């Protein structure tokens, strides 16, 4: 379970593993400046004045306020100043905020390395963030110094949740069986999300686990199925989500579906969460016609036999995140007669194609070459998803696809939120995505 969380939640982290980790002592450090954080700046002044008790008082204040420390920015109504702090020891030589608030892989971004306030045990870094930003992060203490790619296992051993932040992710549940692996940075204007929590008054659908033997994929794919509680499923909507373990264990999709159905935002629904096949994910989710055929000729007939005899393409939605989002859109583009809508969260639309067309953003060009259909495309991205992949970025490729859909007169909705490439972002946007696709 932990390995799966690392592989999924830490996509941006894992991307950084292929890069060199440069310790703070080897970085080109700017001269010490006055800290932006009012609290850290006050501490610096007190320490300079000889107040030996100032650091202890600082930590008492932090314990009351929690982290990150949030302060308003004069004459800026759209952003806040978020300061992350860490209490070091005599052995602490480098502390990294493992997140992407600047759209740069954290270990390559000097602004992600916390500064040490001389004469104290305080390490700190401040970022100006959108008032409604929310993202997953970890703290890395003393990452290994190396001139080449570090060993992932060694780097992971240095990463922990922020001990000063009570918002942990994943939360303690029967599925995670832990208090949390990382932390959530939540700015003050993040809207409440009423769909994520279990409500005692709302009936819960049952999630079952099955396996499908695929002749097309030459293997077995585990699936989890969910059905709206107490509903007739004869004409139900069908939702297929890739990377199924994420959408069952890391994003509370069954709970979201329960709450949406209870408030009549969607109709009766059967959701099928398809596991990613482990090592086969790189093939299944990379513009694969074979995988599309698996969905059409094996998975959907299985759903029809077991749950929805009157399966209607207009009420069949396929979705996923990252490469899963790419695959959802690709499958709907290839088979508009089967899928009435596609749902993409942070779709990896930057990827190149097969064969002779090796330029990035192949799928955008394929939309130009493919006749228009009535399929509805819902896709969204986080504004922090701007780490360069090949010759473009994930955010730029999503925006480019949005423009292509508009120019080709497609039915679509595109959304951006302050977020990164991880499930804290995706669970925030999923309820609206489900209402837009299943609630049509």
Protein backbone atom coordinates (compact mmCIF):
# COMPACT_ATOMS: atom_id res chain seq x y z
CA UNK A 1 0.00 0.00 0.00
CA UNK A 2 2.81 2.41 0.89
CA UNK A 3 4.62 1.61 -2.33
CA UNK A 4 1.43 2.35 -4.27
CA UNK A 5 0.99 5.66 -2.49
CA UNK A 6 4.56 6.65 -3.26
CA UNK A 7 4.17 5.71 -6.90
CA UNK A 8 0.99 7.72 -7.24
CA UNK A 9 0.99 10.62 -4.81
CA UNK A 10 4.65 11.25 -5.39
CA UNK A 11 4.63 11.52 -9.18
CA UNK A 12 6.40 14.83 -8.98
CA UNK A 13 8.68 13.46 -6.28
CA UNK A 14 9.57 10.43 -8.36
CA UNK A 15 10.28 12.65 -11.34
CA UNK A 16 12.78 14.45 -9.16
CA UNK A 17 14.50 11.20 -8.29
CA UNK A 18 15.94 11.06 -11.78
CA UNK A 19 17.61 14.42 -11.18
CA UNK A 20 20.61 15.29 -9.03
CA UNK A 21 19.99 16.26 -5.43
CA UNK A 22 22.19 19.25 -4.71
CA UNK A 23 22.71 19.86 -0.99
CA UNK A 24 22.14 23.34 0.34
CA UNK A 25 25.82 23.73 1.15
CA UNK A 26 26.65 23.37 -2.56
CA UNK A 27 23.95 25.69 -3.86
CA UNK A 28 24.55 29.27 -4.87
CA UNK A 29 22.98 30.91 -1.82
CA UNK A 30 21.91 34.53 -1.91
CA UNK A 31 23.06 36.71 0.98
CA UNK A 32 20.89 36.42 4.06
CA UNK A 33 17.87 38.68 3.71
CA UNK A 34 15.15 39.79 6.07
CA UNK A 35 12.66 36.89 6.24
CA UNK A 36 9.32 37.62 4.59
CA UNK A 37 7.43 35.93 7.38
CA UNK A 38 6.58 38.47 10.11
CA UNK A 39 7.02 35.81 12.79
CA UNK A 40 10.42 34.63 11.52
CA UNK A 41 11.54 38.25 11.00
CA UNK A 42 10.60 39.08 14.60
CA UNK A 43 12.59 36.07 15.78
CA UNK A 44 15.62 37.20 13.78
CA UNK A 45 15.47 40.62 15.43
CA UNK A 46 15.12 39.13 18.89
CA UNK A 47 18.05 36.78 18.37
CA UNK A 48 20.19 39.66 17.07
CA UNK A 49 19.29 41.61 20.21
CA UNK A 50 20.57 38.77 22.40
CA UNK A 51 17.26 37.24 23.51
CA UNK A 52 18.24 33.63 24.21
CA UNK A 53 14.65 32.58 24.91
CA UNK A 54 13.28 33.89 21.61
CA UNK A 55 13.47 30.57 19.73
CA UNK A 56 11.55 28.68 22.40
CA UNK A 57 8.82 31.32 22.33
CA UNK A 58 8.77 31.10 18.53
CA UNK A 59 8.08 27.36 18.66
CA UNK A 60 5.31 27.84 21.22
CA UNK A 61 3.67 30.32 18.87
CA UNK A 62 4.05 27.96 15.92
CA UNK A 63 2.45 25.15 17.94
CA UNK A 64 -0.59 27.36 18.45
CA UNK A 65 -0.83 28.61 14.87
CA UNK A 66 0.12 25.34 13.10
CA UNK A 67 1.95 25.20 9.81
CA UNK A 68 2.25 26.50 7.24
CA UNK A 69 2.14 29.96 8.81
CA UNK A 70 -0.29 32.05 6.76
CA UNK A 71 0.03 35.84 6.49
CA UNK A 72 -1.65 38.38 4.25
CA UNK A 73 0.39 40.25 1.68
CA UNK A 74 -0.05 44.05 1.58
CA UNK A 75 -1.92 45.22 -1.54
CA UNK A 76 -2.34 41.63 -2.80
CA UNK A 77 -5.86 40.25 -2.55
CA UNK A 78 -5.25 37.08 -4.58
CA UNK A 79 -2.31 35.53 -2.72
CA UNK A 80 -1.10 34.83 0.78
CA UNK A 81 2.36 34.29 2.22
CA UNK A 82 2.77 30.66 3.36
CA UNK A 83 5.81 29.91 5.51
CA UNK A 84 6.94 26.35 6.18
CA UNK A 85 9.18 25.82 9.21
CA UNK A 86 11.13 22.90 10.62
CA UNK A 87 12.89 22.43 13.96
CA UNK A 88 16.37 21.18 13.20
CA UNK A 89 19.11 19.61 15.30
CA UNK A 90 22.87 19.95 15.35
CA UNK A 91 22.98 17.28 12.61
CA UNK A 92 20.59 19.06 10.25
CA UNK A 93 22.43 20.28 7.15
CA UNK A 94 19.63 20.53 4.56
CA UNK A 95 15.82 20.61 4.63
CA UNK A 96 13.68 20.49 1.47
CA UNK A 97 9.99 21.27 0.99
CA UNK A 98 9.01 18.35 -1.26
CA UNK A 99 6.24 19.95 -3.29
CA UNK A 100 5.97 21.99 -6.44
CA UNK A 101 4.64 25.46 -5.54
CA UNK A 102 6.87 26.98 -8.22
CA UNK A 103 6.19 24.33 -10.85
CA UNK A 104 9.77 23.07 -10.51
CA UNK A 105 10.91 19.66 -9.30
CA UNK A 106 11.61 20.38 -5.62
CA UNK A 107 15.14 19.06 -5.35
CA UNK A 108 16.12 21.15 -8.36
CA UNK A 109 14.49 24.34 -7.05
CA UNK A 110 16.67 26.42 -4.69
CA UNK A 111 13.49 28.05 -3.39
CA UNK A 112 12.34 24.69 -2.05
CA UNK A 113 15.34 24.43 0.30
CA UNK A 114 14.62 25.87 3.73
CA UNK A 115 16.98 28.49 5.13
CA UNK A 116 18.61 28.13 8.50
CA UNK A 117 18.17 31.13 10.79
CA UNK A 118 21.60 31.59 12.32
CA UNK A 119 21.79 31.14 16.07
CA UNK A 120 18.56 29.10 16.25
CA UNK A 121 17.20 25.67 15.41
CA UNK A 122 14.72 27.25 12.98
CA UNK A 123 14.65 26.34 9.28
CA UNK A 124 12.13 28.19 7.11
CA UNK A 125 10.97 28.98 3.59
CA UNK A 126 8.15 31.24 2.39
CA UNK A 127 6.09 31.04 -0.80
CA UNK A 128 3.45 33.37 -2.21
CA UNK A 129 0.51 31.15 -3.04
CA UNK A 130 -3.00 31.60 -4.39
CA UNK A 131 -5.50 32.11 -1.60
CA UNK A 132 -7.33 28.94 -2.66
CA UNK A 133 -4.25 26.76 -3.17
CA UNK A 134 -4.16 23.27 -1.69
CA UNK A 135 -1.47 20.63 -2.23
CA UNK A 136 0.30 17.61 -0.79
CA UNK A 137 3.82 18.01 0.57
CA UNK A 138 6.51 16.34 2.62
CA UNK A 139 9.65 17.45 4.43
CA UNK A 140 12.98 15.91 3.41
CA UNK A 141 15.71 16.16 6.03
CA UNK A 142 19.31 15.71 4.91
CA UNK A 143 18.63 14.25 1.45
CA UNK A 144 21.66 12.32 0.18
CA UNK A 145 24.23 14.47 -1.59
CA UNK A 146 25.17 13.01 -4.96
CA UNK A 147 26.39 14.10 -8.36
CA UNK A 148 24.13 11.58 -10.06
CA UNK A 149 20.61 10.26 -9.60
CA UNK A 150 20.08 9.30 -5.94
CA UNK A 151 18.76 5.93 -4.91
CA UNK A 152 14.97 6.31 -4.55
CA UNK A 153 14.88 4.17 -1.41
CA UNK A 154 17.49 6.35 0.29
CA UNK A 155 15.68 9.54 -0.65
CA UNK A 156 12.34 8.23 0.60
CA UNK A 157 13.90 7.46 3.95
CA UNK A 158 14.54 11.18 4.44
CA UNK A 159 10.94 12.25 3.75
CA UNK A 160 8.27 12.69 6.38
CA UNK A 161 5.02 14.48 7.08
CA UNK A 162 5.28 17.97 8.55
CA UNK A 163 5.18 17.35 12.33
CA UNK A 164 3.70 20.82 12.88
CA UNK A 165 0.76 20.41 10.48
CA UNK A 166 -2.28 18.43 11.69
CA UNK A 167 -3.64 17.95 8.15
CA UNK A 168 -2.26 14.57 7.07
CA UNK A 169 -2.68 12.65 3.84
CA UNK A 170 -3.72 9.95 3.45
CA UNK A 171 -5.92 10.19 6.49
CA UNK A 172 -6.20 7.29 8.90
CA UNK A 173 -8.71 4.83 7.45
CA UNK A 174 -9.12 1.09 7.36
CA UNK A 175 -7.64 1.16 3.88
CA UNK A 176 -4.52 3.13 4.80
CA UNK A 177 -4.03 1.79 8.32
CA UNK A 178 -1.73 4.69 9.14
CA UNK A 179 -1.87 8.22 10.49
CA UNK A 180 -0.63 9.65 7.24
CA UNK A 181 2.39 9.72 4.98
CA UNK A 182 2.45 13.41 4.11
CA UNK A 183 0.74 16.70 4.82
CA UNK A 184 -1.77 19.01 3.17
CA UNK A 185 -1.04 22.70 2.70
CA UNK A 186 -4.44 24.37 2.66
CA UNK A 187 -4.75 28.11 2.12
CA UNK A 188 -7.59 30.09 3.77
CA UNK A 189 -9.84 30.48 0.72
CA UNK A 190 -10.02 26.77 -0.20
CA UNK A 191 -13.76 26.11 -0.45
CA UNK A 192 -15.32 23.47 1.75
CA UNK A 193 -15.88 20.19 -0.05
CA UNK A 194 -19.01 18.59 1.37
CA UNK A 195 -18.80 15.51 -0.84
CA UNK A 196 -15.71 13.85 0.64
CA UNK A 197 -16.90 12.86 4.11
CA UNK A 198 -19.01 9.87 5.04
CA UNK A 199 -22.47 10.99 6.18
CA UNK A 200 -24.24 8.78 8.73
CA UNK A 201 -27.59 9.61 7.14
CA UNK A 202 -26.53 8.56 3.63
CA UNK A 203 -26.71 4.92 2.54
CA UNK A 204 -23.42 3.53 1.27
CA UNK A 205 -22.92 1.53 -1.88
CA UNK A 206 -21.06 -1.76 -1.63
CA UNK A 207 -17.61 -2.07 -3.20
CA UNK A 208 -16.70 -5.54 -4.48
CA UNK A 209 -13.41 -6.85 -5.79
CA UNK A 210 -13.16 -9.03 -8.90
CA UNK A 211 -10.64 -10.07 -11.51
CA UNK A 212 -11.07 -10.03 -15.27
CA UNK A 213 -9.02 -12.37 -17.41
CA UNK A 214 -8.17 -10.53 -20.61
CA UNK A 215 -7.28 -12.36 -23.79
CA UNK A 216 -6.58 -9.02 -25.46
CA UNK A 217 -4.10 -7.85 -22.80
CA UNK A 218 -2.78 -11.37 -22.13
CA UNK A 219 -3.22 -11.02 -18.41
CA UNK A 220 -5.51 -10.38 -15.47
CA UNK A 221 -6.81 -7.00 -14.34
CA UNK A 222 -8.23 -6.53 -10.86
CA UNK A 223 -11.35 -4.36 -10.65
CA UNK A 224 -13.42 -2.86 -7.87
CA UNK A 225 -17.12 -2.31 -8.61
CA UNK A 226 -19.48 0.09 -6.88
CA UNK A 227 -23.25 0.40 -7.27
CA UNK A 228 -25.52 3.16 -6.01
CA UNK A 229 -27.33 1.83 -2.91
CA UNK A 230 -30.98 0.83 -3.19
CA UNK A 231 -31.28 1.68 -6.86
CA UNK A 232 -32.37 -0.19 -9.94
CA UNK A 233 -29.30 -0.68 -12.13
CA UNK A 234 -31.04 -1.75 -15.32
CA UNK A 235 -30.45 1.59 -16.99
CA UNK A 236 -27.72 2.89 -14.68
CA UNK A 237 -24.91 5.17 -15.70
CA UNK A 238 -21.52 3.48 -15.96
CA UNK A 239 -18.28 5.07 -14.80
CA UNK A 240 -14.93 3.44 -15.61
CA UNK A 241 -11.92 4.85 -13.76
CA UNK A 242 -8.29 3.85 -14.36
CA UNK A 243 -5.65 3.49 -11.61
CA UNK A 244 -8.51 2.04 -9.62
CA UNK A 245 -6.67 1.65 -6.30
CA UNK A 246 -6.16 5.41 -6.14
CA UNK A 247 -9.83 6.14 -6.69
CA UNK A 248 -10.89 3.60 -4.06
CA UNK A 249 -8.22 4.12 -1.37
CA UNK A 250 -6.67 7.56 -1.88
CA UNK A 251 -9.62 9.47 -3.30
CA UNK A 252 -12.90 8.52 -1.60
CA UNK A 253 -14.78 8.08 -4.85
CA UNK A 254 -17.39 5.64 -3.47
CA UNK A 255 -18.23 8.15 -0.71
CA UNK A 256 -18.41 10.97 -3.26
CA UNK A 257 -20.78 8.91 -5.41
CA UNK A 258 -22.93 8.08 -2.36
CA UNK A 259 -23.29 11.75 -1.45
CA UNK A 260 -23.93 12.94 -5.02
CA UNK A 261 -26.59 10.29 -5.52
CA UNK A 262 -28.26 11.05 -2.17
CA UNK A 263 -28.60 14.71 -3.19
CA UNK A 264 -29.85 13.86 -6.71
CA UNK A 265 -26.79 15.33 -8.41
CA UNK A 266 -26.31 12.11 -10.36
CA UNK A 267 -28.53 9.15 -11.18
CA UNK A 268 -28.00 5.47 -10.30
CA UNK A 269 -24.43 4.60 -11.15
CA UNK A 270 -22.20 1.56 -11.45
CA UNK A 271 -18.53 2.49 -11.13
CA UNK A 272 -15.75 0.15 -12.20
CA UNK A 273 -12.29 0.99 -10.86
CA UNK A 274 -9.72 -0.84 -12.98
CA UNK A 275 -6.33 -1.54 -11.43
CA UNK A 276 -3.39 -0.41 -13.48
CA UNK A 277 -1.75 -3.76 -14.13
CA UNK A 278 1.54 -2.86 -12.44
CA UNK A 279 4.35 -2.82 -14.97
CA UNK A 280 1.80 -3.07 -17.79
CA UNK A 281 0.54 0.44 -16.95
CA UNK A 282 3.18 2.04 -19.17
CA UNK A 283 1.81 0.08 -22.14
CA UNK A 284 -1.89 0.04 -21.28
CA UNK A 285 -2.05 3.78 -20.69
CA UNK A 286 0.08 4.94 -23.62
CA UNK A 287 -2.22 5.51 -26.60
CA UNK A 288 -3.03 1.80 -26.75
CA UNK A 289 -5.64 0.54 -29.20
CA UNK A 290 -5.39 -2.86 -27.51
CA UNK A 291 -6.42 -1.34 -24.19
CA UNK A 292 -9.34 0.43 -25.82
CA UNK A 293 -10.41 -2.90 -27.29
CA UNK A 294 -10.13 -4.49 -23.84
CA UNK A 295 -12.58 -1.88 -22.54
CA UNK A 296 -15.01 -2.30 -25.41
CA UNK A 297 -14.90 -6.05 -26.02
CA UNK A 298 -14.18 -7.45 -22.54
CA UNK A 299 -14.78 -5.00 -19.68
CA UNK A 300 -18.07 -3.43 -20.80
CA UNK A 301 -19.68 -6.77 -21.76
CA UNK A 302 -18.71 -7.99 -18.28
CA UNK A 303 -20.45 -4.93 -16.78
CA UNK A 304 -23.52 -5.55 -18.96
CA UNK A 305 -23.79 -9.17 -17.88
CA UNK A 306 -23.40 -8.47 -14.17
CA UNK A 307 -24.90 -5.06 -13.57
CA UNK A 308 -26.35 -2.92 -16.39
CA UNK A 309 -28.16 -4.94 -19.06
CA UNK A 310 -29.35 -1.78 -20.85
CA UNK A 311 -25.91 -0.20 -21.06
CA UNK A 312 -26.21 3.08 -22.98
CA UNK A 313 -23.14 4.73 -24.59
CA UNK A 314 -24.62 8.16 -23.85
CA UNK A 315 -24.45 7.31 -20.14
CA UNK A 316 -21.02 5.64 -20.20
CA UNK A 317 -18.10 7.67 -18.85
CA UNK A 318 -14.42 6.77 -18.87
CA UNK A 319 -11.92 8.64 -16.70
CA UNK A 320 -8.56 8.76 -14.95
CA UNK A 321 -5.64 10.91 -13.89
CA UNK A 322 -2.26 11.56 -15.49
CA UNK A 323 -1.66 8.76 -18.03
CA UNK A 324 -5.08 7.44 -17.02
CA UNK A 325 -6.59 10.74 -18.09
CA UNK A 326 -4.74 10.53 -21.39
CA UNK A 327 -6.09 7.01 -21.90
CA UNK A 328 -9.66 8.05 -21.06
CA UNK A 329 -9.65 10.84 -23.62
CA UNK A 330 -7.91 8.66 -26.21
CA UNK A 331 -10.44 5.85 -25.78
CA UNK A 332 -13.39 8.24 -26.07
CA UNK A 333 -11.88 9.82 -29.16
CA UNK A 334 -11.33 6.41 -30.75
CA UNK A 335 -14.75 4.99 -29.80
CA UNK A 336 -17.36 7.75 -29.53
CA UNK A 337 -19.97 5.08 -30.26
CA UNK A 338 -19.14 3.49 -26.88
CA UNK A 339 -18.19 6.37 -24.58
CA UNK A 340 -20.45 9.38 -24.19
CA UNK A 341 -18.01 11.28 -21.99
CA UNK A 342 -14.36 11.29 -20.90
CA UNK A 343 -13.05 12.65 -17.61
CA UNK A 344 -9.39 13.62 -17.30
CA UNK A 345 -7.59 14.85 -14.20
CA UNK A 346 -4.14 16.24 -14.99
CA UNK A 347 -4.05 14.31 -18.24
CA UNK A 348 -0.57 13.62 -19.60
CA UNK A 349 -1.33 15.20 -22.96
CA UNK A 350 2.32 16.14 -23.45
CA UNK A 351 3.26 12.61 -24.60
CA UNK A 352 4.46 11.91 -28.12
CA UNK A 353 2.94 9.38 -30.47
CA UNK A 354 4.01 6.08 -31.92
CA UNK A 355 5.71 5.51 -35.23
CA UNK A 356 6.88 8.47 -37.28
CA UNK A 357 5.05 11.17 -35.33
CA UNK A 358 7.34 11.53 -32.32
CA UNK A 359 6.61 15.14 -31.45
CA UNK A 360 5.01 15.93 -28.08
CA UNK A 361 1.25 16.54 -27.77
CA UNK A 362 0.34 13.93 -30.34
CA UNK A 363 -3.23 13.63 -29.08
CA UNK A 364 -4.01 17.29 -29.78
CA UNK A 365 -3.09 16.74 -33.43
CA UNK A 366 -5.20 13.58 -33.50
CA UNK A 367 -8.26 15.64 -32.52
CA UNK A 368 -7.67 17.78 -35.60
CA UNK A 369 -7.49 14.68 -37.79
CA UNK A 370 -10.57 12.96 -36.28
CA UNK A 371 -14.16 13.86 -37.25
CA UNK A 372 -16.20 15.61 -34.61
CA UNK A 373 -18.52 13.50 -32.45
CA UNK A 374 -21.02 14.23 -29.72
CA UNK A 375 -18.71 12.95 -26.95
CA UNK A 376 -18.28 15.31 -24.00
CA UNK A 377 -14.78 15.90 -22.64
CA UNK A 378 -14.19 17.14 -19.11
CA UNK A 379 -10.60 17.84 -18.22
CA UNK A 380 -8.75 19.86 -15.64
CA UNK A 381 -5.22 20.63 -14.50
CA UNK A 382 -3.39 22.25 -11.62
CA UNK A 383 -1.69 25.59 -12.07
CA UNK A 384 1.48 24.18 -10.44
CA UNK A 385 1.79 21.39 -13.01
CA UNK A 386 4.33 23.24 -15.08
CA UNK A 387 7.44 21.09 -14.72
CA UNK A 388 8.85 20.64 -18.21
CA UNK A 389 8.31 17.22 -19.79
CA UNK A 390 10.16 16.88 -23.09
CA UNK A 391 9.45 20.15 -24.93
CA UNK A 392 6.33 21.25 -23.08
CA UNK A 393 4.63 21.04 -19.68
CA UNK A 394 1.56 19.21 -18.49
CA UNK A 395 -0.26 22.47 -17.82
CA UNK A 396 0.64 23.92 -21.21
CA UNK A 397 -0.44 20.75 -23.01
CA UNK A 398 -3.81 20.77 -21.22
CA UNK A 399 -4.34 24.39 -22.22
CA UNK A 400 -3.34 23.59 -25.79
CA UNK A 401 -5.82 20.70 -25.94
CA UNK A 402 -8.51 23.04 -24.60
CA UNK A 403 -7.82 25.39 -27.51
CA UNK A 404 -7.92 22.53 -30.01
CA UNK A 405 -11.29 21.34 -28.69
CA UNK A 406 -12.66 24.84 -28.99
CA UNK A 407 -11.36 25.27 -32.54
CA UNK A 408 -12.76 21.88 -33.62
CA UNK A 409 -16.15 22.67 -32.06
CA UNK A 410 -16.06 19.84 -29.51
CA UNK A 411 -18.24 19.56 -26.43
CA UNK A 412 -15.98 20.13 -23.46
CA UNK A 413 -15.40 21.82 -20.11
CA UNK A 414 -11.93 22.81 -18.92
CA UNK A 415 -11.05 23.75 -15.34
CA UNK A 416 -7.87 24.93 -13.61
CA UNK A 417 -7.28 25.03 -9.85
CA UNK A 418 -4.19 25.84 -7.77
CA UNK A 419 -2.86 22.31 -7.41
CA UNK A 420 -0.11 19.85 -8.15
CA UNK A 421 0.12 16.37 -9.68
CA UNK A 422 -1.29 14.34 -6.80
CA UNK A 423 -4.55 13.01 -5.30
CA UNK A 424 -5.11 15.91 -2.87
CA UNK A 425 -5.67 17.98 -6.01
CA UNK A 426 -7.73 15.30 -7.77
CA UNK A 427 -10.10 14.61 -4.89
CA UNK A 428 -10.81 18.35 -4.75
CA UNK A 429 -11.98 18.50 -8.37
CA UNK A 430 -13.51 15.04 -8.79
CA UNK A 431 -17.01 15.83 -7.41
CA UNK A 432 -17.53 18.60 -9.99
CA UNK A 433 -16.13 16.35 -12.71
CA UNK A 434 -18.58 13.58 -11.80
CA UNK A 435 -21.52 15.98 -11.76
CA UNK A 436 -20.48 17.31 -15.17
CA UNK A 437 -20.23 13.86 -16.74
CA UNK A 438 -22.58 11.54 -14.84
CA UNK A 439 -25.13 14.25 -14.10
CA UNK A 440 -25.68 15.31 -17.68
